Every structure is written in structure tokens, then in C-alpha cells.
N, C-alpha and C. Protein backbone atom coordinates (compact mmCIF):
# COMPACT_ATOMS: atom_id res chain seq x y z
N UNK A 1 -22.76 -43.62 -1.11
CA UNK A 1 -21.83 -43.11 -2.10
C UNK A 1 -21.74 -41.60 -1.98
N UNK A 2 -20.62 -41.05 -2.35
CA UNK A 2 -20.39 -39.61 -2.24
C UNK A 2 -21.28 -38.84 -3.19
N UNK A 3 -21.52 -37.61 -2.82
CA UNK A 3 -22.32 -36.72 -3.66
C UNK A 3 -21.50 -36.32 -4.88
N UNK A 4 -22.00 -36.53 -6.09
CA UNK A 4 -21.25 -36.27 -7.32
C UNK A 4 -21.43 -34.85 -7.85
N UNK A 5 -22.09 -33.99 -7.10
CA UNK A 5 -22.30 -32.61 -7.56
C UNK A 5 -21.00 -31.82 -7.40
N UNK A 6 -20.71 -30.99 -8.39
CA UNK A 6 -19.54 -30.12 -8.32
C UNK A 6 -19.98 -28.78 -7.76
N UNK A 7 -19.19 -28.28 -6.83
CA UNK A 7 -19.48 -26.98 -6.22
C UNK A 7 -18.43 -26.00 -6.72
N UNK A 8 -18.90 -24.88 -7.26
CA UNK A 8 -17.99 -23.85 -7.76
C UNK A 8 -18.10 -22.62 -6.86
N UNK A 9 -16.99 -22.25 -6.25
CA UNK A 9 -16.92 -21.10 -5.37
C UNK A 9 -15.89 -20.14 -5.95
N UNK A 10 -16.23 -18.85 -5.96
CA UNK A 10 -15.25 -17.90 -6.50
C UNK A 10 -14.05 -17.80 -5.56
N UNK A 11 -12.97 -17.24 -6.06
CA UNK A 11 -11.69 -17.22 -5.35
C UNK A 11 -11.78 -16.52 -4.00
N UNK A 12 -12.47 -15.41 -3.95
CA UNK A 12 -12.56 -14.65 -2.70
C UNK A 12 -13.26 -15.44 -1.60
N UNK A 13 -14.34 -16.13 -1.96
CA UNK A 13 -15.05 -16.94 -0.96
C UNK A 13 -14.26 -18.18 -0.56
N UNK A 14 -13.59 -18.78 -1.49
CA UNK A 14 -12.81 -19.99 -1.20
C UNK A 14 -11.63 -19.66 -0.30
N UNK A 15 -11.05 -18.50 -0.46
CA UNK A 15 -9.89 -18.10 0.34
C UNK A 15 -10.32 -17.81 1.77
N UNK A 16 -11.53 -17.34 1.96
CA UNK A 16 -12.11 -17.07 3.28
C UNK A 16 -11.29 -16.08 4.09
N UNK A 17 -10.76 -15.09 3.44
CA UNK A 17 -10.04 -14.08 4.20
C UNK A 17 -9.27 -13.13 3.31
N UNK A 18 -8.62 -12.20 3.94
CA UNK A 18 -7.86 -11.19 3.23
C UNK A 18 -6.39 -11.58 3.27
N UNK A 19 -5.72 -11.56 2.14
CA UNK A 19 -4.30 -11.93 2.10
C UNK A 19 -3.50 -10.71 1.68
N UNK A 20 -2.77 -10.12 2.61
CA UNK A 20 -1.96 -8.95 2.27
C UNK A 20 -0.76 -9.37 1.42
N UNK A 21 -0.19 -8.43 0.72
CA UNK A 21 0.93 -8.72 -0.16
C UNK A 21 2.26 -8.50 0.56
N UNK A 22 2.32 -8.91 1.83
CA UNK A 22 3.52 -8.74 2.63
C UNK A 22 4.59 -9.74 2.20
N UNK A 23 4.18 -10.88 1.71
CA UNK A 23 5.12 -11.94 1.36
C UNK A 23 6.16 -11.47 0.37
N UNK A 24 5.74 -10.73 -0.65
CA UNK A 24 6.71 -10.28 -1.65
C UNK A 24 7.74 -9.34 -1.05
N UNK A 25 7.34 -8.53 -0.06
CA UNK A 25 8.30 -7.64 0.60
C UNK A 25 9.26 -8.43 1.47
N UNK A 26 8.74 -9.41 2.20
CA UNK A 26 9.59 -10.23 3.06
C UNK A 26 10.61 -10.99 2.21
N UNK A 27 10.18 -11.56 1.10
CA UNK A 27 11.10 -12.29 0.23
C UNK A 27 12.14 -11.36 -0.37
N UNK A 28 11.73 -10.19 -0.81
CA UNK A 28 12.68 -9.24 -1.39
C UNK A 28 13.71 -8.75 -0.40
N UNK A 29 13.26 -8.39 0.79
CA UNK A 29 14.18 -7.91 1.82
C UNK A 29 15.12 -9.03 2.27
N UNK A 30 14.59 -10.24 2.42
CA UNK A 30 15.42 -11.38 2.83
C UNK A 30 16.47 -11.70 1.77
N UNK A 31 16.09 -11.66 0.51
CA UNK A 31 17.04 -11.93 -0.56
C UNK A 31 18.15 -10.89 -0.57
N UNK A 32 17.77 -9.62 -0.43
CA UNK A 32 18.78 -8.55 -0.40
C UNK A 32 19.71 -8.72 0.80
N UNK A 33 19.17 -9.08 1.95
CA UNK A 33 19.99 -9.27 3.15
C UNK A 33 20.98 -10.42 2.97
N UNK A 34 20.53 -11.51 2.38
CA UNK A 34 21.42 -12.65 2.15
C UNK A 34 22.54 -12.29 1.18
N UNK A 35 22.21 -11.60 0.11
CA UNK A 35 23.23 -11.19 -0.86
C UNK A 35 24.25 -10.27 -0.21
N UNK A 36 23.79 -9.33 0.58
CA UNK A 36 24.71 -8.41 1.27
C UNK A 36 25.59 -9.16 2.26
N UNK A 37 24.99 -10.06 3.04
CA UNK A 37 25.77 -10.83 4.02
C UNK A 37 26.82 -11.70 3.34
N UNK A 38 26.45 -12.37 2.25
CA UNK A 38 27.43 -13.20 1.53
C UNK A 38 28.54 -12.33 0.93
N UNK A 39 28.21 -11.16 0.44
CA UNK A 39 29.23 -10.26 -0.11
C UNK A 39 30.20 -9.83 0.97
N UNK A 40 29.69 -9.53 2.15
CA UNK A 40 30.56 -9.15 3.26
C UNK A 40 31.45 -10.31 3.67
N UNK A 41 30.88 -11.51 3.72
CA UNK A 41 31.68 -12.70 4.10
C UNK A 41 32.78 -12.98 3.09
N UNK A 42 32.47 -12.83 1.80
CA UNK A 42 33.45 -13.10 0.75
C UNK A 42 34.57 -12.06 0.77
N UNK A 43 34.23 -10.83 1.07
CA UNK A 43 35.22 -9.75 1.05
C UNK A 43 36.12 -9.74 2.28
N UNK A 44 35.75 -10.43 3.33
CA UNK A 44 36.58 -10.45 4.56
C UNK A 44 37.66 -11.47 4.48
């Protein structure tokens, strides 16, 4: 049978690495690019 003990690991150890906050910049820039491209397409 499986071991019924619960293991609690803090967030930093569970993540096992460093996560930069690049994702928010990529999403923001991509959103702005899509809005600009759609505006150009609509205006042509």
C-alpha cells in the first residue's frame, strides 16, 4: 500500500528553479502587437 504520509515542501523548493517574470512582458508586447496589426488591417 502507498505511504500515507503527507510531505510539505515550500514553494521555492517545489519549483526547483528560478522563474523570471518574462512571461508578463511577452504577453503584453504580443497583445499590443495584435491590437496594432488588427487596427492596421481594419483601416486599410
